[in-house]
């Protein structure tokens, strides 16, 4: 396991500033996606400028899968006729994937921005039942299907064009889940026969390509997200019995594991859920502000940036579900809570003028400068 020396002590304390206008630094902005008057919402997927997830129209309604317009002002329901509720879990460009539910079944779903574009993703075999889609990139969709002979879930890979499916469950595994793809690789977790805990898994398009990422000495591990930048990264967690799970990043092998657990004072623990391959996203628990959405700007626990502060006053907690890079812009999807609102509210963060992959030093410098301005009493 690798640990790195600090990059910048100021980064974890980045201010709630609106933006830095100079081209040398990124511009940081938070966007509230939650539609006024609705009960709850969450952005679980980022297709770039457009985010997707779900809304609850009232406290008595079920979740409705939605996609937000690029400006974040409007949202469109993706729920097709004849189905009761659902959620979007993944997106890539104008493609969204997730799950829709009826009275007795659930099905993996794929859309292209409208309810009318709905396509059902099935596993056409009598041994397989309900399906769910979790992530999409390139021409791939990943998720799981209920396997009747064992009564467990199996990781599934679909071709987004032909809808052909591949069972990723390795030989000897009792259960498996695929929750992320970067268009080339698939990530998730596997539980072998006779084991009670899952182990972090990586695939390259087939069950036979399975790579075990689980490090020795830990009881449980899992991959939560994949990203292709920088040659590809897998983010997730590892856990020792009786202890809190630790956020980690791999680069294709168990030996490449880096522990991202923050070392800054006042940060209790953290989880990482998504990555571009170079920038990782999740949340951390701060002693003074509680659960806050964060970014890691490198494979380094000390590269932590607190996104929550960009939401401004009145927000009590936040977390991140997805992150996407388009040219020089990062789009981060998540949810947050306010003291005067009963449930979660969809939010996103937009970070512009991000340096090219592999040259993130100016982004770190911009975050540090924001922290310095805040300490000097700057309006930023």
Protein backbone atom coordinates (compact mmCIF):
# COMPACT_ATOMS: atom_id res chain seq x y z
CA UNK A 1 0.00 0.00 0.00
CA UNK A 2 1.40 3.40 -0.97
CA UNK A 3 1.15 6.66 0.96
CA UNK A 4 2.43 9.96 -0.43
CA UNK A 5 3.81 13.11 1.21
CA UNK A 6 1.57 16.22 1.35
CA UNK A 7 0.97 18.23 -1.81
CA UNK A 8 -0.55 21.35 -0.29
CA UNK A 9 -1.67 21.86 3.29
CA UNK A 10 -4.17 24.51 2.26
CA UNK A 11 -6.17 22.39 -0.15
CA UNK A 12 -8.45 20.67 2.39
CA UNK A 13 -9.61 24.08 3.61
CA UNK A 14 -10.65 25.46 0.23
CA UNK A 15 -13.12 28.33 0.58
CA UNK A 16 -16.71 28.68 -0.58
CA UNK A 17 -15.65 31.09 -3.30
CA UNK A 18 -17.65 31.52 -6.45
CA UNK A 19 -14.76 31.46 -8.94
CA UNK A 20 -11.29 32.64 -9.87
CA UNK A 21 -11.43 34.47 -13.17
CA UNK A 22 -7.80 34.22 -14.22
CA UNK A 23 -7.13 31.58 -16.89
CA UNK A 24 -4.29 30.11 -14.84
CA UNK A 25 -6.76 28.80 -12.25
CA UNK A 26 -9.94 26.78 -12.37
CA UNK A 27 -13.34 28.36 -11.81
CA UNK A 28 -15.39 26.62 -9.10
CA UNK A 29 -19.19 26.86 -8.99
CA UNK A 30 -22.04 24.98 -7.29
CA UNK A 31 -25.46 24.57 -8.98
CA UNK A 32 -28.68 23.65 -7.16
CA UNK A 33 -30.59 21.27 -9.48
CA UNK A 34 -33.46 20.54 -7.07
CA UNK A 35 -36.73 21.74 -8.65
CA UNK A 36 -38.61 24.19 -6.41
CA UNK A 37 -41.58 22.66 -4.60
CA UNK A 38 -40.52 19.04 -4.96
CA UNK A 39 -40.07 16.74 -1.98
CA UNK A 40 -36.64 15.25 -2.80
CA UNK A 41 -34.12 14.76 -5.59
CA UNK A 42 -30.63 13.44 -6.21
CA UNK A 43 -28.14 13.65 -9.08
CA UNK A 44 -26.57 10.20 -9.36
CA UNK A 45 -25.03 10.39 -12.84
CA UNK A 46 -23.10 12.86 -14.96
CA UNK A 47 -23.19 12.76 -18.75
CA UNK A 48 -21.08 15.90 -18.94
CA UNK A 49 -23.01 19.16 -18.82
CA UNK A 50 -26.25 17.25 -18.24
CA UNK A 51 -26.86 15.44 -14.94
CA UNK A 52 -29.38 12.67 -14.20
CA UNK A 53 -30.88 10.89 -11.22
CA UNK A 54 -34.33 10.95 -9.65
CA UNK A 55 -36.97 13.18 -8.08
CA UNK A 56 -39.83 12.64 -5.64
CA UNK A 57 -42.71 14.95 -6.54
CA UNK A 58 -44.25 14.58 -3.08
CA UNK A 59 -43.81 12.67 0.15
CA UNK A 60 -46.40 10.16 -1.09
CA UNK A 61 -44.90 9.53 -4.54
CA UNK A 62 -42.28 7.08 -5.79
CA UNK A 63 -38.92 8.00 -7.31
CA UNK A 64 -39.08 9.18 -10.94
CA UNK A 65 -35.97 8.88 -13.16
CA UNK A 66 -35.04 12.27 -14.63
CA UNK A 67 -32.42 14.09 -16.66
CA UNK A 68 -31.62 17.76 -16.15
CA UNK A 69 -31.05 20.29 -18.91
CA UNK A 70 -27.48 21.48 -19.39
CA UNK A 71 -28.19 24.76 -17.60
CA UNK A 72 -29.68 22.82 -14.65
CA UNK A 73 -32.93 24.81 -14.77
CA UNK A 74 -35.31 22.17 -16.15
CA UNK A 75 -35.71 18.43 -15.75
CA UNK A 76 -37.45 15.80 -17.88
CA UNK A 77 -39.06 12.59 -16.67
CA UNK A 78 -37.67 9.39 -18.21
CA UNK A 79 -40.39 7.14 -16.77
CA UNK A 80 -41.98 5.22 -19.66
CA UNK A 81 -45.71 4.42 -19.72
CA UNK A 82 -46.67 1.29 -17.80
CA UNK A 83 -43.89 1.52 -15.22
CA UNK A 84 -44.27 2.78 -11.65
CA UNK A 85 -40.93 4.26 -10.60
CA UNK A 86 -37.20 4.18 -11.23
CA UNK A 87 -33.80 5.84 -10.98
CA UNK A 88 -30.94 6.81 -13.27
CA UNK A 89 -27.62 5.50 -11.96
CA UNK A 90 -25.24 6.16 -14.85
CA UNK A 91 -24.78 8.44 -17.85
CA UNK A 92 -22.41 9.07 -20.73
CA UNK A 93 -23.09 11.95 -23.10
CA UNK A 94 -26.77 11.75 -24.03
CA UNK A 95 -27.17 8.15 -22.82
CA UNK A 96 -28.64 7.37 -19.41
CA UNK A 97 -28.95 3.97 -17.72
CA UNK A 98 -30.68 2.81 -14.57
CA UNK A 99 -33.58 0.80 -13.31
CA UNK A 100 -37.33 0.97 -13.72
CA UNK A 101 -39.78 -0.92 -11.56
CA UNK A 102 -43.26 -2.31 -11.92
CA UNK A 103 -45.48 -3.99 -9.37
CA UNK A 104 -43.64 -7.32 -9.51
CA UNK A 105 -40.37 -6.77 -11.37
CA UNK A 106 -37.44 -4.46 -12.07
CA UNK A 107 -35.59 -4.02 -15.35
CA UNK A 108 -32.37 -2.41 -16.44
CA UNK A 109 -33.17 0.61 -18.59
CA UNK A 110 -31.38 2.72 -21.17
CA UNK A 111 -32.51 6.11 -22.48
CA UNK A 112 -31.27 8.87 -24.76
CA UNK A 113 -32.72 11.92 -23.06
CA UNK A 114 -36.45 11.15 -23.30
CA UNK A 115 -38.97 8.68 -21.91
CA UNK A 116 -39.84 7.69 -25.50
CA UNK A 117 -36.26 6.52 -26.10
CA UNK A 118 -36.51 3.87 -23.35
CA UNK A 119 -34.91 0.51 -24.13
CA UNK A 120 -35.17 -2.49 -21.82
CA UNK A 121 -31.90 -4.31 -21.08
CA UNK A 122 -32.57 -7.98 -20.51
CA UNK A 123 -30.68 -11.22 -20.03
CA UNK A 124 -32.53 -13.60 -22.31
CA UNK A 125 -32.11 -16.92 -20.54
CA UNK A 126 -34.48 -18.85 -18.24
CA UNK A 127 -31.91 -18.89 -15.42
CA UNK A 128 -31.87 -15.09 -15.17
CA UNK A 129 -34.53 -12.77 -13.79
CA UNK A 130 -34.71 -9.08 -12.92
CA UNK A 131 -31.94 -6.76 -14.11
CA UNK A 132 -30.42 -3.42 -13.07
CA UNK A 133 -28.05 -1.09 -14.94
CA UNK A 134 -25.48 0.86 -12.93
CA UNK A 135 -23.03 2.59 -15.28
CA UNK A 136 -22.28 3.31 -18.94
CA UNK A 137 -19.28 4.53 -20.95
CA UNK A 138 -18.16 4.05 -24.53
CA UNK A 139 -20.40 1.35 -25.93
CA UNK A 140 -20.78 -0.50 -22.64
CA UNK A 141 -23.44 -0.78 -19.95
CA UNK A 142 -22.85 -2.71 -16.74
CA UNK A 143 -25.14 -3.90 -13.98
CA UNK A 144 -26.47 -7.14 -12.58
CA UNK A 145 -29.13 -9.79 -13.03
CA UNK A 146 -30.78 -12.13 -10.55
CA UNK A 147 -29.50 -15.70 -11.07
CA UNK A 148 -32.26 -18.13 -10.15
CA UNK A 149 -30.21 -21.31 -9.51
CA UNK A 150 -28.24 -19.68 -6.67
CA UNK A 151 -30.64 -16.91 -5.63
CA UNK A 152 -27.88 -14.31 -5.98
CA UNK A 153 -26.93 -11.46 -8.31
CA UNK A 154 -24.47 -11.80 -11.19
CA UNK A 155 -22.48 -9.02 -12.86
CA UNK A 156 -23.62 -8.36 -16.44
CA UNK A 157 -22.07 -6.42 -19.33
CA UNK A 158 -24.31 -5.21 -22.18
CA UNK A 159 -23.39 -3.86 -25.59
CA UNK A 160 -25.24 -0.53 -25.83
CA UNK A 161 -25.81 -0.96 -29.58
CA UNK A 162 -26.68 -4.62 -30.06
CA UNK A 163 -27.96 -5.19 -26.48
CA UNK A 164 -25.94 -8.44 -26.41
CA UNK A 165 -25.08 -9.47 -22.85
CA UNK A 166 -22.11 -11.15 -21.14
CA UNK A 167 -22.15 -12.80 -17.72
CA UNK A 168 -19.03 -11.57 -15.86
CA UNK A 169 -19.41 -13.88 -12.87
CA UNK A 170 -16.05 -15.69 -12.44
CA UNK A 171 -15.82 -19.45 -12.12
CA UNK A 172 -16.24 -20.37 -8.45
CA UNK A 173 -17.98 -17.13 -7.50
CA UNK A 174 -21.30 -17.26 -5.67
CA UNK A 175 -22.28 -13.68 -6.49
CA UNK A 176 -20.96 -10.61 -8.28
CA UNK A 177 -21.92 -7.01 -9.03
CA UNK A 178 -20.64 -4.69 -11.77
CA UNK A 179 -21.19 -1.04 -10.82
CA UNK A 180 -18.79 0.88 -13.08
CA UNK A 181 -17.26 0.95 -16.55
CA UNK A 182 -14.87 3.29 -18.32
CA UNK A 183 -15.73 1.85 -21.74
CA UNK A 184 -12.87 -0.66 -21.66
CA UNK A 185 -12.87 -2.11 -18.15
CA UNK A 186 -15.60 -3.03 -15.69
CA UNK A 187 -15.43 -2.79 -11.91
CA UNK A 188 -17.39 -4.01 -8.92
CA UNK A 189 -17.16 -6.83 -6.42
CA UNK A 190 -17.21 -10.63 -6.23
CA UNK A 191 -18.08 -13.07 -3.45
CA UNK A 192 -16.65 -16.56 -3.85
CA UNK A 193 -18.47 -19.70 -2.77
CA UNK A 194 -18.02 -20.21 0.97
CA UNK A 195 -17.10 -16.58 1.63
CA UNK A 196 -19.28 -14.08 3.47
CA UNK A 197 -17.63 -10.87 2.23
CA UNK A 198 -17.13 -9.30 -1.19
CA UNK A 199 -13.76 -8.60 -2.82
CA UNK A 200 -12.95 -5.75 -5.22
CA UNK A 201 -13.11 -6.91 -8.83
CA UNK A 202 -11.92 -5.70 -12.24
CA UNK A 203 -12.86 -7.20 -15.59
CA UNK A 204 -11.87 -6.68 -19.22
CA UNK A 205 -15.06 -7.81 -20.94
CA UNK A 206 -15.39 -11.43 -19.86
CA UNK A 207 -15.66 -13.65 -16.78
CA UNK A 208 -12.27 -15.15 -17.58
CA UNK A 209 -10.61 -11.71 -17.49
CA UNK A 210 -11.46 -11.19 -13.79
CA UNK A 211 -8.73 -9.51 -11.72
CA UNK A 212 -8.88 -9.77 -7.92
CA UNK A 213 -7.95 -6.35 -6.44
CA UNK A 214 -8.48 -7.37 -2.81
CA UNK A 215 -5.39 -6.67 -0.63
CA UNK A 216 -4.23 -9.17 2.00
CA UNK A 217 -5.15 -8.45 5.60
CA UNK A 218 -8.56 -6.93 4.84
CA UNK A 219 -11.97 -8.56 5.23
CA UNK A 220 -13.87 -6.64 2.55
CA UNK A 221 -13.20 -4.49 -0.49
CA UNK A 222 -15.11 -3.13 -3.46
CA UNK A 223 -14.75 -0.99 -6.57
CA UNK A 224 -17.20 1.93 -6.76
CA UNK A 225 -16.04 3.84 -9.82
CA UNK A 226 -13.79 3.74 -12.89
CA UNK A 227 -12.21 6.45 -15.01
CA UNK A 228 -10.11 6.32 -18.17
CA UNK A 229 -7.92 9.43 -17.76
CA UNK A 230 -4.27 8.88 -16.89
CA UNK A 231 -4.29 5.31 -18.16
CA UNK A 232 -7.28 4.32 -16.03
CA UNK A 233 -8.08 4.14 -12.32
CA UNK A 234 -10.44 2.24 -10.06
CA UNK A 235 -11.71 3.79 -6.82
CA UNK A 236 -13.45 2.09 -3.93
CA UNK A 237 -12.88 0.92 -0.39
CA UNK A 238 -11.08 -1.61 1.77
CA UNK A 239 -12.00 -2.59 5.30
CA UNK A 240 -10.42 -4.27 8.31
CA UNK A 241 -12.77 -6.16 10.65
CA UNK A 242 -14.31 -3.82 13.18
CA UNK A 243 -13.00 -0.66 11.54
CA UNK A 244 -14.40 2.00 9.20
CA UNK A 245 -13.87 1.40 5.47
CA UNK A 246 -10.96 3.31 3.91
CA UNK A 247 -11.09 5.09 0.52
CA UNK A 248 -8.56 3.78 -2.00
CA UNK A 249 -7.51 3.95 -5.64
CA UNK A 250 -6.07 1.14 -7.76
CA UNK A 251 -4.45 1.26 -11.19
CA UNK A 252 -5.16 -2.20 -12.52
CA UNK A 253 -3.53 -4.38 -9.88
CA UNK A 254 -3.83 -5.12 -6.18
CA UNK A 255 -0.22 -4.00 -5.70
CA UNK A 256 -0.97 -0.51 -7.10
CA UNK A 257 -3.38 0.34 -4.24
CA UNK A 258 -3.06 3.83 -2.69
CA UNK A 259 -4.88 4.71 0.54
CA UNK A 260 -6.73 8.04 0.15
CA UNK A 261 -7.76 8.37 3.80
CA UNK A 262 -7.33 12.09 4.59
CA UNK A 263 -4.59 12.95 7.07
CA UNK A 264 -5.59 16.59 7.64
CA UNK A 265 -6.62 17.50 11.22
CA UNK A 266 -10.36 17.50 11.78
CA UNK A 267 -11.20 14.94 9.06
CA UNK A 268 -12.56 11.74 10.58
CA UNK A 269 -13.11 9.40 7.63
CA UNK A 270 -13.98 9.42 3.94
CA UNK A 271 -15.42 7.42 1.05
CA UNK A 272 -14.70 7.66 -2.68
CA UNK A 273 -17.37 6.79 -5.25
CA UNK A 274 -16.29 8.08 -8.67
CA UNK A 275 -13.25 9.11 -10.71
CA UNK A 276 -12.20 10.57 -14.05
CA UNK A 277 -9.06 8.48 -13.73
CA UNK A 278 -7.11 11.39 -12.27
CA UNK A 279 -9.60 13.33 -10.11
CA UNK A 280 -11.54 11.28 -7.54
CA UNK A 281 -14.86 12.22 -5.89
CA UNK A 282 -16.73 11.24 -2.74
CA UNK A 283 -17.31 12.63 0.73
CA UNK A 284 -15.51 13.10 4.03
CA UNK A 285 -16.69 13.66 7.58
CA UNK A 286 -15.28 16.88 9.04
CA UNK A 287 -15.27 17.51 12.76
CA UNK A 288 -16.77 21.00 12.36
CA UNK A 289 -19.05 20.68 9.30
CA UNK A 290 -20.06 17.01 9.17
CA UNK A 291 -20.56 15.09 5.92
CA UNK A 292 -19.13 17.13 3.04
CA UNK A 293 -18.65 16.42 -0.68
CA UNK A 294 -14.96 16.33 -1.60
CA UNK A 295 -12.51 15.83 -4.45
CA UNK A 296 -9.07 14.32 -4.43
CA UNK A 297 -6.99 16.05 -7.11
CA UNK A 298 -4.41 13.26 -7.21
CA UNK A 299 -3.68 9.77 -5.86
CA UNK A 300 -2.78 11.52 -2.62
CA UNK A 301 -4.80 11.86 0.62
CA UNK A 302 -3.53 15.42 1.03
CA UNK A 303 -4.94 16.61 -2.30
CA UNK A 304 -8.41 16.84 -0.72
CA UNK A 305 -10.71 19.75 -1.70
CA UNK A 306 -13.93 20.43 0.22
CA UNK A 307 -16.70 21.00 -2.37
CA UNK A 308 -19.37 21.57 0.25
CA UNK A 309 -18.17 25.09 0.95
CA UNK A 310 -19.08 26.19 -2.56
CA UNK A 311 -22.77 25.64 -1.73
CA UNK A 312 -22.74 28.60 0.62
CA UNK A 313 -24.55 29.15 3.91
CA UNK A 314 -27.47 27.02 5.14
CA UNK A 315 -26.39 23.66 3.69
CA UNK A 316 -25.89 20.96 6.32
CA UNK A 317 -24.43 18.00 4.38
CA UNK A 318 -23.45 16.90 0.88
CA UNK A 319 -22.02 13.98 -1.06
CA UNK A 320 -20.91 13.10 -4.59
CA UNK A 321 -22.15 10.26 -6.80
CA UNK A 322 -20.46 10.91 -10.18
CA UNK A 323 -17.80 12.95 -11.95
CA UNK A 324 -17.14 13.51 -15.65
CA UNK A 325 -14.50 15.46 -17.53
CA UNK A 326 -15.31 17.15 -20.86
CA UNK A 327 -12.35 19.02 -22.36
CA UNK A 328 -11.26 21.51 -19.67
CA UNK A 329 -14.39 21.20 -17.49
CA UNK A 330 -15.22 18.86 -14.62
CA UNK A 331 -18.89 18.12 -13.88
CA UNK A 332 -19.67 16.64 -10.47
CA UNK A 333 -23.13 15.25 -9.58
CA UNK A 334 -24.46 14.73 -6.08
CA UNK A 335 -26.93 15.73 -3.43
CA UNK A 336 -27.06 17.95 -0.36
CA UNK A 337 -29.35 18.77 2.55
CA UNK A 338 -30.56 21.98 4.20
CA UNK A 339 -31.82 22.45 7.73
CA UNK A 340 -35.18 23.75 6.47
CA UNK A 341 -35.81 20.96 3.92
CA UNK A 342 -36.90 17.43 4.88
CA UNK A 343 -35.00 15.40 2.27
CA UNK A 344 -32.02 15.33 -0.09
CA UNK A 345 -31.71 17.89 -2.90
CA UNK A 346 -29.88 17.37 -6.21
CA UNK A 347 -26.82 19.56 -6.72
CA UNK A 348 -23.84 19.70 -9.04
CA UNK A 349 -20.47 21.39 -9.14
CA UNK A 350 -18.87 22.77 -12.30
CA UNK A 351 -15.11 23.36 -12.37
CA UNK A 352 -13.88 25.12 -15.51
CA UNK A 353 -10.40 25.82 -16.88
CA UNK A 354 -9.11 22.52 -15.51
CA UNK A 355 -5.56 21.79 -16.74
CA UNK A 356 -4.92 18.93 -19.15
CA UNK A 357 -4.75 15.41 -17.67
CA UNK A 358 -1.48 14.86 -15.85
CA UNK A 359 -0.90 18.59 -15.21
CA UNK A 360 -3.20 19.35 -12.29
CA UNK A 361 -0.74 21.54 -10.36
CA UNK A 362 -2.57 24.78 -11.38
CA UNK A 363 -5.83 23.32 -10.05
CA UNK A 364 -4.15 22.66 -6.71
CA UNK A 365 -2.72 26.17 -6.76
CA UNK A 366 -6.19 27.63 -7.44
CA UNK A 367 -7.70 25.74 -4.53
CA UNK A 368 -4.90 26.89 -2.23
CA UNK A 369 -5.34 30.50 -3.37
CA UNK A 370 -9.06 30.34 -2.54
CA UNK A 371 -8.21 29.20 0.97
CA UNK A 372 -5.70 32.02 1.37
CA UNK A 373 -8.27 34.61 0.26
CA UNK A 374 -10.79 33.33 2.78
CA UNK A 375 -8.33 33.69 5.64
CA UNK A 376 -7.59 37.27 4.62
CA UNK A 377 -11.31 38.14 4.74
CA UNK A 378 -11.69 38.31 0.96
CA UNK A 379 -15.26 38.32 -0.43
CA UNK A 380 -14.20 35.30 -2.47
